[in-house]
């Protein structure tokens, strides 16, 4: 019974990762297609300069780390709620199981995700194609000029923090509702998985 619950929980944890991240992971970098026209070397050079100037890889890695930390923070409560509803574990036994499962799952999740996904490289590749597709050389140069100004530099510096805080506030407002839905689905599925003799 516990093994079934853990399998369901593992699947449910995947709901915590934004779909854009999992979609990126499912596509190998070579298969990403944005239907961008052939890009001149000059435009490509401007795109690369802009991506370096705006610290795209660093921002992507920081955002991934923030998402992983958020998952590690919310996982124990999620596991506790789920295991208390799907097993006979109580009090100290429940807490010990939650602590052990949380530590193992969070560590393994982080380990596998970082092994399999180079989010900085994927983000750079995607952004490179999109910037080249949607911006002219003149517009790219305008962006570069802006990001070299004091306001542009401030924008570069605070954008990751703004994104991180927006994610945290979104999680505070949305996560409880999302978890309710996920737990309802887990309960439905767990009920269907139980063998007739139980």
N, C-alpha and C. Protein backbone atom coordinates (compact mmCIF):
# COMPACT_ATOMS: atom_id res chain seq x y z
N UNK A 1 0.82 -1.19 0.00
CA UNK A 1 0.00 0.00 0.00
C UNK A 1 0.87 1.26 0.00
N UNK A 2 1.90 1.28 0.84
CA UNK A 2 2.80 2.42 0.89
C UNK A 2 3.53 2.61 -0.43
N UNK A 3 3.94 1.50 -1.05
CA UNK A 3 4.66 1.59 -2.33
C UNK A 3 3.78 2.24 -3.39
N UNK A 4 2.50 1.87 -3.44
CA UNK A 4 1.57 2.48 -4.40
C UNK A 4 1.44 3.97 -4.13
N UNK A 5 1.32 4.34 -2.86
CA UNK A 5 1.19 5.75 -2.52
C UNK A 5 2.42 6.53 -2.94
N UNK A 6 3.60 5.95 -2.70
CA UNK A 6 4.84 6.63 -3.07
C UNK A 6 4.93 6.79 -4.59
N UNK A 7 4.54 5.78 -5.34
CA UNK A 7 4.56 5.89 -6.80
C UNK A 7 3.65 7.02 -7.27
N UNK A 8 2.48 7.12 -6.68
CA UNK A 8 1.55 8.18 -7.06
C UNK A 8 2.12 9.54 -6.67
N UNK A 9 2.72 9.62 -5.49
CA UNK A 9 3.31 10.88 -5.03
C UNK A 9 4.43 11.32 -5.98
N UNK A 10 5.24 10.38 -6.41
CA UNK A 10 6.32 10.71 -7.34
C UNK A 10 5.77 11.32 -8.61
N UNK A 11 4.70 10.75 -9.12
CA UNK A 11 4.08 11.31 -10.32
C UNK A 11 3.51 12.69 -10.03
N UNK A 12 2.91 12.85 -8.87
CA UNK A 12 2.31 14.13 -8.52
C UNK A 12 3.36 15.23 -8.38
N UNK A 13 4.55 14.87 -7.92
CA UNK A 13 5.60 15.88 -7.75
C UNK A 13 5.97 16.52 -9.08
N UNK A 14 5.77 15.79 -10.15
CA UNK A 14 6.08 16.34 -11.46
C UNK A 14 5.18 17.51 -11.80
N UNK A 15 3.98 17.57 -11.18
CA UNK A 15 3.10 18.70 -11.43
C UNK A 15 3.69 20.00 -10.90
N UNK A 16 4.65 19.92 -9.99
CA UNK A 16 5.23 21.11 -9.39
C UNK A 16 6.20 21.84 -10.30
N UNK A 17 6.63 21.22 -11.38
CA UNK A 17 7.58 21.84 -12.28
C UNK A 17 6.82 22.50 -13.41
N UNK A 18 7.12 23.72 -13.71
CA UNK A 18 6.43 24.40 -14.80
C UNK A 18 6.52 23.62 -16.09
N UNK A 19 5.43 23.66 -16.85
CA UNK A 19 5.37 22.86 -18.07
C UNK A 19 6.41 23.30 -19.09
N UNK A 20 6.82 24.56 -19.03
CA UNK A 20 7.84 25.00 -19.97
C UNK A 20 9.17 24.29 -19.74
N UNK A 21 9.47 24.04 -18.48
CA UNK A 21 10.71 23.35 -18.17
C UNK A 21 10.67 21.91 -18.65
N UNK A 22 9.55 21.22 -18.40
CA UNK A 22 9.46 19.82 -18.83
C UNK A 22 9.38 19.74 -20.34
N UNK A 23 8.77 20.72 -20.97
CA UNK A 23 8.72 20.70 -22.43
C UNK A 23 10.12 20.88 -23.01
N UNK A 24 10.90 21.75 -22.38
CA UNK A 24 12.27 21.94 -22.84
C UNK A 24 13.08 20.67 -22.66
N UNK A 25 12.85 19.98 -21.55
CA UNK A 25 13.61 18.77 -21.28
C UNK A 25 13.25 17.66 -22.24
N UNK A 26 12.01 17.63 -22.73
CA UNK A 26 11.59 16.58 -23.63
C UNK A 26 12.18 16.76 -25.01
N UNK A 27 12.49 17.99 -25.38
CA UNK A 27 13.08 18.25 -26.68
C UNK A 27 14.58 18.33 -26.52
N UNK A 28 15.29 17.61 -27.35
CA UNK A 28 16.73 17.77 -27.29
C UNK A 28 17.05 19.12 -27.90
N UNK A 29 18.13 19.77 -27.47
CA UNK A 29 18.44 21.10 -27.97
C UNK A 29 18.51 21.16 -29.49
N UNK A 30 18.96 20.11 -30.14
CA UNK A 30 19.06 20.12 -31.58
C UNK A 30 17.70 20.10 -32.26
N UNK A 31 16.65 19.67 -31.55
CA UNK A 31 15.35 19.53 -32.18
C UNK A 31 14.44 20.74 -31.96
N UNK A 32 14.92 21.76 -31.26
CA UNK A 32 14.10 22.93 -31.02
C UNK A 32 13.94 23.69 -32.32
N UNK A 33 12.68 23.93 -32.67
CA UNK A 33 12.41 24.63 -33.91
C UNK A 33 11.56 25.85 -33.61
N UNK A 34 12.02 27.00 -34.05
CA UNK A 34 11.24 28.22 -33.86
C UNK A 34 10.87 28.84 -35.20
N UNK A 35 11.12 28.13 -36.27
CA UNK A 35 10.80 28.60 -37.62
C UNK A 35 11.45 29.95 -37.92
N UNK A 36 12.62 30.18 -37.36
CA UNK A 36 13.33 31.44 -37.60
C UNK A 36 13.95 31.40 -39.00
N UNK A 37 13.89 32.54 -39.69
CA UNK A 37 14.53 32.59 -41.00
C UNK A 37 16.05 32.53 -40.85
N UNK A 38 16.73 32.35 -41.95
CA UNK A 38 18.18 32.35 -41.92
C UNK A 38 18.65 33.69 -41.36
N UNK A 39 19.55 33.61 -40.42
CA UNK A 39 20.00 34.81 -39.70
C UNK A 39 21.38 35.20 -40.20
N UNK A 40 21.54 36.48 -40.44
CA UNK A 40 22.84 36.97 -40.89
C UNK A 40 23.84 36.85 -39.75
N UNK A 41 25.13 36.72 -40.08
CA UNK A 41 26.14 36.67 -39.02
C UNK A 41 26.12 37.93 -38.14
N UNK A 42 25.80 39.08 -38.74
CA UNK A 42 25.74 40.32 -37.96
C UNK A 42 24.63 40.27 -36.92
N UNK A 43 23.44 39.81 -37.36
CA UNK A 43 22.31 39.73 -36.43
C UNK A 43 22.61 38.70 -35.33
N UNK A 44 23.18 37.56 -35.71
CA UNK A 44 23.51 36.53 -34.73
C UNK A 44 24.51 37.05 -33.70
N UNK A 45 25.49 37.84 -34.17
CA UNK A 45 26.48 38.41 -33.26
C UNK A 45 25.81 39.36 -32.27
N UNK A 46 24.83 40.15 -32.75
CA UNK A 46 24.11 41.07 -31.87
C UNK A 46 23.28 40.29 -30.84
N UNK A 47 22.64 39.20 -31.29
CA UNK A 47 21.85 38.37 -30.37
C UNK A 47 22.76 37.80 -29.29
N UNK A 48 23.90 37.26 -29.69
CA UNK A 48 24.83 36.67 -28.71
C UNK A 48 25.33 37.72 -27.72
N UNK A 49 25.62 38.91 -28.23
CA UNK A 49 26.06 39.99 -27.34
C UNK A 49 24.97 40.35 -26.34
N UNK A 50 23.73 40.43 -26.82
CA UNK A 50 22.60 40.76 -25.95
C UNK A 50 22.40 39.69 -24.87
N UNK A 51 22.50 38.42 -25.26
CA UNK A 51 22.28 37.34 -24.30
C UNK A 51 23.38 37.31 -23.22
N UNK A 52 24.60 37.61 -23.61
CA UNK A 52 25.69 37.67 -22.64
C UNK A 52 25.50 38.89 -21.73
N UNK A 53 25.18 40.02 -22.34
CA UNK A 53 25.00 41.25 -21.58
C UNK A 53 23.88 41.12 -20.55
N UNK A 54 22.80 40.42 -20.91
CA UNK A 54 21.66 40.27 -20.01
C UNK A 54 21.76 39.03 -19.11
N UNK A 55 22.90 38.34 -19.19
CA UNK A 55 23.19 37.20 -18.31
C UNK A 55 22.10 36.13 -18.35
N UNK A 56 21.72 35.74 -19.58
CA UNK A 56 20.63 34.79 -19.76
C UNK A 56 20.90 33.44 -19.10
N UNK A 57 22.09 32.89 -19.28
CA UNK A 57 22.38 31.57 -18.69
C UNK A 57 22.35 31.64 -17.17
N UNK A 58 22.96 32.66 -16.62
CA UNK A 58 22.98 32.82 -15.16
C UNK A 58 21.56 32.96 -14.61
N UNK A 59 20.73 33.74 -15.28
CA UNK A 59 19.35 33.93 -14.84
C UNK A 59 18.56 32.62 -14.91
N UNK A 60 18.76 31.86 -15.98
CA UNK A 60 18.05 30.59 -16.13
C UNK A 60 18.46 29.61 -15.03
N UNK A 61 19.75 29.54 -14.74
CA UNK A 61 20.22 28.64 -13.68
C UNK A 61 19.71 29.07 -12.31
N UNK A 62 19.66 30.37 -12.09
CA UNK A 62 19.16 30.88 -10.82
C UNK A 62 17.66 30.56 -10.67
N UNK A 63 16.91 30.69 -11.76
CA UNK A 63 15.48 30.40 -11.72
C UNK A 63 15.25 28.91 -11.48
N UNK A 64 16.04 28.06 -12.11
CA UNK A 64 15.92 26.61 -11.88
C UNK A 64 16.22 26.29 -10.42
N UNK A 65 17.26 26.88 -9.87
CA UNK A 65 17.60 26.64 -8.48
C UNK A 65 16.47 27.09 -7.56
N UNK A 66 15.86 28.21 -7.88
CA UNK A 66 14.74 28.71 -7.09
C UNK A 66 13.56 27.75 -7.14
N UNK A 67 13.28 27.20 -8.33
CA UNK A 67 12.19 26.24 -8.46
C UNK A 67 12.48 24.98 -7.67
N UNK A 68 13.72 24.52 -7.72
CA UNK A 68 14.09 23.32 -6.98
C UNK A 68 13.97 23.55 -5.47
N UNK A 69 14.39 24.72 -5.01
CA UNK A 69 14.28 25.04 -3.58
C UNK A 69 12.81 25.10 -3.16
N UNK A 70 11.97 25.63 -4.04
CA UNK A 70 10.54 25.71 -3.74
C UNK A 70 9.94 24.31 -3.62
N UNK A 71 10.33 23.42 -4.52
CA UNK A 71 9.85 22.04 -4.46
C UNK A 71 10.33 21.39 -3.16
N UNK A 72 11.60 21.60 -2.81
CA UNK A 72 12.14 21.02 -1.57
C UNK A 72 11.43 21.56 -0.34
N UNK A 73 10.97 22.80 -0.40
CA UNK A 73 10.27 23.41 0.72
C UNK A 73 8.85 22.87 0.86
N UNK A 74 8.15 22.68 -0.25
CA UNK A 74 6.75 22.27 -0.20
C UNK A 74 6.57 20.75 -0.15
N UNK A 75 7.58 20.00 -0.53
CA UNK A 75 7.45 18.55 -0.59
C UNK A 75 7.09 17.91 0.75
N UNK A 76 7.73 18.27 1.88
CA UNK A 76 7.38 17.61 3.15
C UNK A 76 5.89 17.75 3.52
N UNK A 77 5.33 18.93 3.36
CA UNK A 77 3.91 19.12 3.69
C UNK A 77 3.03 18.32 2.75
N UNK A 78 3.39 18.33 1.48
CA UNK A 78 2.63 17.55 0.49
C UNK A 78 2.67 16.06 0.83
N UNK A 79 3.86 15.56 1.15
CA UNK A 79 4.00 14.15 1.50
C UNK A 79 3.23 13.83 2.78
N UNK A 80 3.32 14.70 3.76
CA UNK A 80 2.62 14.49 5.02
C UNK A 80 1.12 14.40 4.79
N UNK A 81 0.57 15.35 4.05
CA UNK A 81 -0.87 15.33 3.75
C UNK A 81 -1.27 14.07 3.00
N UNK A 82 -0.46 13.72 2.01
CA UNK A 82 -0.79 12.57 1.17
C UNK A 82 -0.67 11.26 1.94
N UNK A 83 0.44 11.09 2.65
CA UNK A 83 0.64 9.84 3.38
C UNK A 83 -0.37 9.67 4.52
N UNK A 84 -0.75 10.76 5.16
CA UNK A 84 -1.72 10.64 6.26
C UNK A 84 -3.09 10.21 5.73
N UNK A 85 -3.37 10.52 4.45
CA UNK A 85 -4.66 10.14 3.86
C UNK A 85 -4.61 8.77 3.19
N UNK A 86 -3.41 8.33 2.81
CA UNK A 86 -3.33 7.10 2.01
C UNK A 86 -2.66 5.93 2.73
N UNK A 87 -2.19 6.15 3.96
CA UNK A 87 -1.55 5.07 4.72
C UNK A 87 -2.09 5.09 6.15
N UNK A 88 -1.67 4.12 6.93
CA UNK A 88 -2.05 4.06 8.34
C UNK A 88 -1.00 4.70 9.24
N UNK A 89 -0.01 5.37 8.65
CA UNK A 89 1.04 6.00 9.44
C UNK A 89 0.48 7.17 10.23
N UNK A 90 0.93 7.28 11.48
CA UNK A 90 0.47 8.36 12.37
C UNK A 90 1.65 8.93 13.15
N UNK A 91 1.49 10.15 13.59
CA UNK A 91 2.39 10.81 14.52
C UNK A 91 3.87 10.66 14.15
N UNK A 92 4.65 10.07 15.07
CA UNK A 92 6.09 10.00 14.87
C UNK A 92 6.45 9.14 13.66
N UNK A 93 5.74 8.03 13.47
CA UNK A 93 6.03 7.15 12.31
C UNK A 93 5.79 7.91 11.01
N UNK A 94 4.72 8.69 10.96
CA UNK A 94 4.42 9.50 9.78
C UNK A 94 5.51 10.54 9.56
N UNK A 95 5.89 11.23 10.63
CA UNK A 95 6.92 12.27 10.52
C UNK A 95 8.26 11.69 10.07
N UNK A 96 8.62 10.55 10.61
CA UNK A 96 9.88 9.91 10.21
C UNK A 96 9.86 9.52 8.74
N UNK A 97 8.73 8.96 8.30
CA UNK A 97 8.59 8.56 6.90
C UNK A 97 8.65 9.79 5.99
N UNK A 98 7.95 10.85 6.37
CA UNK A 98 7.94 12.09 5.58
C UNK A 98 9.34 12.67 5.49
N UNK A 99 10.04 12.72 6.61
CA UNK A 99 11.40 13.27 6.64
C UNK A 99 12.33 12.47 5.74
N UNK A 100 12.27 11.16 5.85
CA UNK A 100 13.14 10.30 5.04
C UNK A 100 12.79 10.39 3.56
N UNK A 101 11.49 10.30 3.25
CA UNK A 101 11.06 10.38 1.85
C UNK A 101 11.40 11.74 1.24
N UNK A 102 11.13 12.81 1.97
CA UNK A 102 11.40 14.16 1.46
C UNK A 102 12.87 14.33 1.11
N UNK A 103 13.72 13.92 2.02
CA UNK A 103 15.16 14.08 1.80
C UNK A 103 15.61 13.28 0.59
N UNK A 104 15.18 12.01 0.51
CA UNK A 104 15.59 11.16 -0.62
C UNK A 104 15.04 11.68 -1.94
N UNK A 105 13.74 12.00 -1.96
CA UNK A 105 13.12 12.43 -3.21
C UNK A 105 13.68 13.76 -3.69
N UNK A 106 13.85 14.73 -2.80
CA UNK A 106 14.36 16.04 -3.19
C UNK A 106 15.79 15.93 -3.71
N UNK A 107 16.60 15.14 -3.00
CA UNK A 107 17.99 14.96 -3.42
C UNK A 107 18.06 14.29 -4.79
N UNK A 108 17.29 13.25 -4.98
CA UNK A 108 17.31 12.51 -6.25
C UNK A 108 16.75 13.35 -7.38
N UNK A 109 15.68 14.09 -7.11
CA UNK A 109 15.06 14.94 -8.12
C UNK A 109 16.05 16.00 -8.60
N UNK A 110 16.70 16.66 -7.65
CA UNK A 110 17.69 17.69 -8.00
C UNK A 110 18.83 17.07 -8.79
N UNK A 111 19.33 15.94 -8.31
CA UNK A 111 20.45 15.25 -8.94
C UNK A 111 20.13 14.88 -10.39
N UNK A 112 19.00 14.24 -10.62
CA UNK A 112 18.63 13.81 -11.97
C UNK A 112 18.33 14.98 -12.88
N UNK A 113 17.63 15.98 -12.35
CA UNK A 113 17.29 17.14 -13.17
C UNK A 113 18.55 17.86 -13.64
N UNK A 114 19.50 18.06 -12.73
CA UNK A 114 20.73 18.76 -13.09
C UNK A 114 21.61 17.93 -14.02
N UNK A 115 21.53 16.60 -13.92
CA UNK A 115 22.28 15.74 -14.83
C UNK A 115 21.71 15.78 -16.23
N UNK A 116 20.40 15.84 -16.33
CA UNK A 116 19.73 15.67 -17.62
C UNK A 116 19.37 16.96 -18.33
N UNK A 117 19.34 18.06 -17.61
CA UNK A 117 18.92 19.32 -18.22
C UNK A 117 19.96 20.40 -17.98
N UNK A 118 20.50 20.94 -19.06
CA UNK A 118 21.37 22.12 -18.97
C UNK A 118 20.48 23.31 -19.29
N UNK A 119 19.79 23.81 -18.26
CA UNK A 119 18.79 24.85 -18.47
C UNK A 119 19.40 26.12 -19.05
N UNK A 120 20.61 26.45 -18.65
CA UNK A 120 21.27 27.64 -19.19
C UNK A 120 21.49 27.52 -20.69
N UNK A 121 21.99 26.38 -21.12
CA UNK A 121 22.24 26.15 -22.54
C UNK A 121 20.94 26.12 -23.33
N UNK A 122 19.92 25.45 -22.79
CA UNK A 122 18.63 25.36 -23.49
C UNK A 122 18.00 26.74 -23.61
N UNK A 123 18.03 27.50 -22.51
CA UNK A 123 17.46 28.85 -22.53
C UNK A 123 18.19 29.74 -23.52
N UNK A 124 19.51 29.66 -23.55
CA UNK A 124 20.29 30.45 -24.49
C UNK A 124 19.93 30.08 -25.93
N UNK A 125 19.82 28.79 -26.20
CA UNK A 125 19.48 28.36 -27.56
C UNK A 125 18.09 28.86 -27.97
N UNK A 126 17.13 28.71 -27.07
CA UNK A 126 15.76 29.15 -27.39
C UNK A 126 15.73 30.66 -27.58
N UNK A 127 16.31 31.39 -26.60
CA UNK A 127 16.28 32.85 -26.69
C UNK A 127 17.04 33.36 -27.91
N UNK A 128 18.12 32.70 -28.25
CA UNK A 128 18.90 33.10 -29.43
C UNK A 128 18.03 33.03 -30.68
N UNK A 129 17.32 31.93 -30.84
CA UNK A 129 16.45 31.77 -32.01
C UNK A 129 15.32 32.79 -32.01
N UNK A 130 14.73 33.00 -30.84
CA UNK A 130 13.58 33.91 -30.76
C UNK A 130 13.97 35.37 -30.96
N UNK A 131 15.06 35.78 -30.34
CA UNK A 131 15.53 37.17 -30.54
C UNK A 131 15.87 37.41 -32.01
N UNK A 132 16.53 36.45 -32.63
CA UNK A 132 16.88 36.59 -34.04
C UNK A 132 15.63 36.62 -34.92
N UNK A 133 14.61 35.90 -34.51
CA UNK A 133 13.36 35.83 -35.29
C UNK A 133 12.55 37.13 -35.19
N UNK A 134 12.47 37.71 -33.99
CA UNK A 134 11.55 38.81 -33.76
C UNK A 134 12.16 40.21 -33.75
N UNK A 135 13.49 40.31 -33.68
CA UNK A 135 14.12 41.63 -33.63
C UNK A 135 15.01 41.86 -34.84
N UNK A 136 14.94 43.07 -35.37
CA UNK A 136 15.85 43.46 -36.45
C UNK A 136 17.21 43.78 -35.84
N UNK A 137 18.20 43.96 -36.70
CA UNK A 137 19.53 44.34 -36.20
C UNK A 137 19.47 45.67 -35.45
N UNK A 138 18.71 46.62 -35.99
CA UNK A 138 18.58 47.93 -35.34
C UNK A 138 17.94 47.82 -33.97
N UNK A 139 16.90 46.98 -33.86
CA UNK A 139 16.23 46.80 -32.57
C UNK A 139 17.14 46.09 -31.56
N UNK A 140 17.88 45.10 -32.03
CA UNK A 140 18.84 44.41 -31.16
C UNK A 140 19.88 45.39 -30.64
N UNK A 141 20.37 46.25 -31.53
CA UNK A 141 21.36 47.24 -31.10
C UNK A 141 20.75 48.20 -30.09
N UNK A 142 19.47 48.56 -30.29
CA UNK A 142 18.78 49.43 -29.33
C UNK A 142 18.68 48.79 -27.96
N UNK A 143 18.37 47.48 -27.93
CA UNK A 143 18.31 46.76 -26.66
C UNK A 143 19.68 46.72 -25.99
N UNK A 144 20.70 46.45 -26.77
CA UNK A 144 22.06 46.42 -26.23
C UNK A 144 22.42 47.78 -25.64
N UNK A 145 22.12 48.84 -26.39
CA UNK A 145 22.41 50.18 -25.89
C UNK A 145 21.67 50.45 -24.58
N UNK A 146 20.40 50.04 -24.51
CA UNK A 146 19.63 50.24 -23.28
C UNK A 146 20.26 49.47 -22.12
N UNK A 147 20.58 48.20 -22.34
CA UNK A 147 21.10 47.39 -21.23
C UNK A 147 22.49 47.83 -20.78
N UNK A 148 23.13 48.69 -21.54
CA UNK A 148 24.42 49.24 -21.10
C UNK A 148 24.24 50.49 -20.24
N UNK A 149 23.03 51.04 -20.21
CA UNK A 149 22.78 52.23 -19.39
C UNK A 149 22.62 51.82 -17.93
N UNK A 150 22.69 52.77 -16.99
CA UNK A 150 22.47 52.43 -15.58
C UNK A 150 21.10 51.77 -15.34
N UNK A 151 20.05 52.28 -15.99
CA UNK A 151 18.73 51.67 -15.82
C UNK A 151 18.71 50.26 -16.41
N UNK A 152 19.36 50.06 -17.54
CA UNK A 152 19.45 48.73 -18.14
C UNK A 152 20.18 47.76 -17.24
N UNK A 153 21.29 48.23 -16.65
CA UNK A 153 22.06 47.39 -15.73
C UNK A 153 21.23 47.03 -14.50
N UNK A 154 20.46 48.01 -13.99
CA UNK A 154 19.59 47.73 -12.84
C UNK A 154 18.54 46.69 -13.23
N UNK A 155 17.99 46.84 -14.43
CA UNK A 155 16.98 45.89 -14.92
C UNK A 155 17.55 44.48 -14.98
N UNK A 156 18.77 44.36 -15.48
CA UNK A 156 19.43 43.05 -15.55
C UNK A 156 19.61 42.46 -14.16
N UNK A 157 20.03 43.31 -13.22
CA UNK A 157 20.32 42.84 -11.86
C UNK A 157 19.06 42.44 -11.09
N UNK A 158 17.97 43.20 -11.25
CA UNK A 158 16.79 42.90 -10.42
C UNK A 158 15.79 41.95 -11.08
N UNK A 159 15.89 41.73 -12.39
CA UNK A 159 14.91 40.86 -13.05
C UNK A 159 14.89 39.46 -12.44
N UNK A 160 16.02 38.82 -12.17
CA UNK A 160 15.94 37.49 -11.53
C UNK A 160 15.24 37.54 -10.18
N UNK A 161 15.52 38.58 -9.39
CA UNK A 161 14.88 38.71 -8.08
C UNK A 161 13.39 38.95 -8.24
N UNK A 162 13.00 39.80 -9.21
CA UNK A 162 11.58 40.03 -9.47
C UNK A 162 10.89 38.73 -9.85
N UNK A 163 11.54 37.96 -10.73
CA UNK A 163 10.96 36.69 -11.17
C UNK A 163 10.84 35.71 -10.01
N UNK A 164 11.87 35.66 -9.18
CA UNK A 164 11.87 34.77 -8.02
C UNK A 164 10.75 35.14 -7.04
N UNK A 165 10.62 36.42 -6.76
CA UNK A 165 9.57 36.86 -5.84
C UNK A 165 8.19 36.65 -6.44
N UNK A 166 8.06 36.85 -7.74
CA UNK A 166 6.78 36.60 -8.41
C UNK A 166 6.42 35.13 -8.31
N UNK A 167 7.42 34.25 -8.48
CA UNK A 167 7.19 32.81 -8.36
C UNK A 167 6.76 32.45 -6.94
N UNK A 168 7.44 33.03 -5.94
CA UNK A 168 7.10 32.74 -4.54
C UNK A 168 5.68 33.20 -4.22
N UNK A 169 5.32 34.40 -4.68
CA UNK A 169 3.98 34.91 -4.41
C UNK A 169 2.92 34.10 -5.16
N UNK A 170 3.24 33.70 -6.39
CA UNK A 170 2.32 32.84 -7.15
C UNK A 170 2.11 31.52 -6.44
N UNK A 171 3.22 30.96 -5.92
CA UNK A 171 3.11 29.69 -5.20
C UNK A 171 2.25 29.83 -3.95
N UNK A 172 2.40 30.95 -3.22
CA UNK A 172 1.59 31.15 -2.03
C UNK A 172 0.11 31.19 -2.38
N UNK A 173 -0.20 31.86 -3.49
CA UNK A 173 -1.60 32.01 -3.86
C UNK A 173 -2.15 30.78 -4.59
N UNK A 174 -1.33 30.17 -5.44
CA UNK A 174 -1.82 29.09 -6.29
C UNK A 174 -1.56 27.70 -5.75
N UNK A 175 -0.42 27.50 -5.07
CA UNK A 175 -0.03 26.16 -4.67
C UNK A 175 -1.06 25.44 -3.81
N UNK A 176 -1.67 26.10 -2.82
CA UNK A 176 -2.67 25.38 -2.04
C UNK A 176 -3.82 24.85 -2.91
N UNK A 177 -4.27 25.64 -3.87
CA UNK A 177 -5.36 25.21 -4.74
C UNK A 177 -4.89 24.08 -5.67
N UNK A 178 -3.67 24.22 -6.20
CA UNK A 178 -3.12 23.17 -7.06
C UNK A 178 -2.96 21.87 -6.28
N UNK A 179 -2.46 21.96 -5.04
CA UNK A 179 -2.26 20.77 -4.23
C UNK A 179 -3.58 20.09 -3.90
N UNK A 180 -4.64 20.88 -3.67
CA UNK A 180 -5.95 20.30 -3.44
C UNK A 180 -6.38 19.45 -4.62
N UNK A 181 -6.20 20.00 -5.83
CA UNK A 181 -6.57 19.28 -7.05
C UNK A 181 -5.73 18.02 -7.20
N UNK A 182 -4.41 18.14 -6.99
CA UNK A 182 -3.51 16.99 -7.13
C UNK A 182 -3.87 15.92 -6.10
N UNK A 183 -4.13 16.32 -4.85
CA UNK A 183 -4.49 15.35 -3.82
C UNK A 183 -5.82 14.67 -4.13
N UNK A 184 -6.76 15.41 -4.69
CA UNK A 184 -8.04 14.81 -5.07
C UNK A 184 -7.83 13.75 -6.15
N UNK A 185 -6.98 14.08 -7.12
CA UNK A 185 -6.69 13.12 -8.19
C UNK A 185 -5.95 11.90 -7.63
N UNK A 186 -4.99 12.14 -6.73
CA UNK A 186 -4.25 11.03 -6.11
C UNK A 186 -5.22 10.12 -5.36
N UNK A 187 -6.13 10.72 -4.59
CA UNK A 187 -7.10 9.92 -3.84
C UNK A 187 -7.96 9.09 -4.78
N UNK A 188 -8.42 9.69 -5.88
CA UNK A 188 -9.22 8.96 -6.87
C UNK A 188 -8.42 7.81 -7.46
N UNK A 189 -7.18 8.11 -7.87
CA UNK A 189 -6.35 7.10 -8.50
C UNK A 189 -5.96 6.01 -7.50
N UNK A 190 -5.65 6.41 -6.26
CA UNK A 190 -5.26 5.42 -5.26
C UNK A 190 -6.42 4.47 -5.00
N UNK A 191 -7.64 5.00 -4.96
CA UNK A 191 -8.81 4.16 -4.78
C UNK A 191 -8.96 3.14 -5.89
N UNK A 192 -8.62 3.53 -7.11
CA UNK A 192 -8.72 2.61 -8.26
C UNK A 192 -7.59 1.58 -8.26
N UNK A 193 -6.44 1.94 -7.66
CA UNK A 193 -5.30 1.03 -7.67
C UNK A 193 -5.38 -0.04 -6.58
N UNK A 194 -6.20 0.19 -5.58
CA UNK A 194 -6.28 -0.78 -4.48
C UNK A 194 -6.80 -2.10 -5.02
N UNK A 195 -6.17 -3.17 -4.55
CA UNK A 195 -6.60 -4.50 -4.99
C UNK A 195 -7.92 -4.88 -4.31
N UNK A 196 -8.71 -5.76 -4.94
CA UNK A 196 -10.02 -6.11 -4.38
C UNK A 196 -9.95 -6.69 -2.98
N UNK A 197 -8.86 -7.41 -2.63
CA UNK A 197 -8.80 -8.03 -1.32
C UNK A 197 -8.50 -7.05 -0.19
N UNK A 198 -8.10 -5.79 -0.51
CA UNK A 198 -7.76 -4.83 0.56
C UNK A 198 -8.99 -4.11 1.05
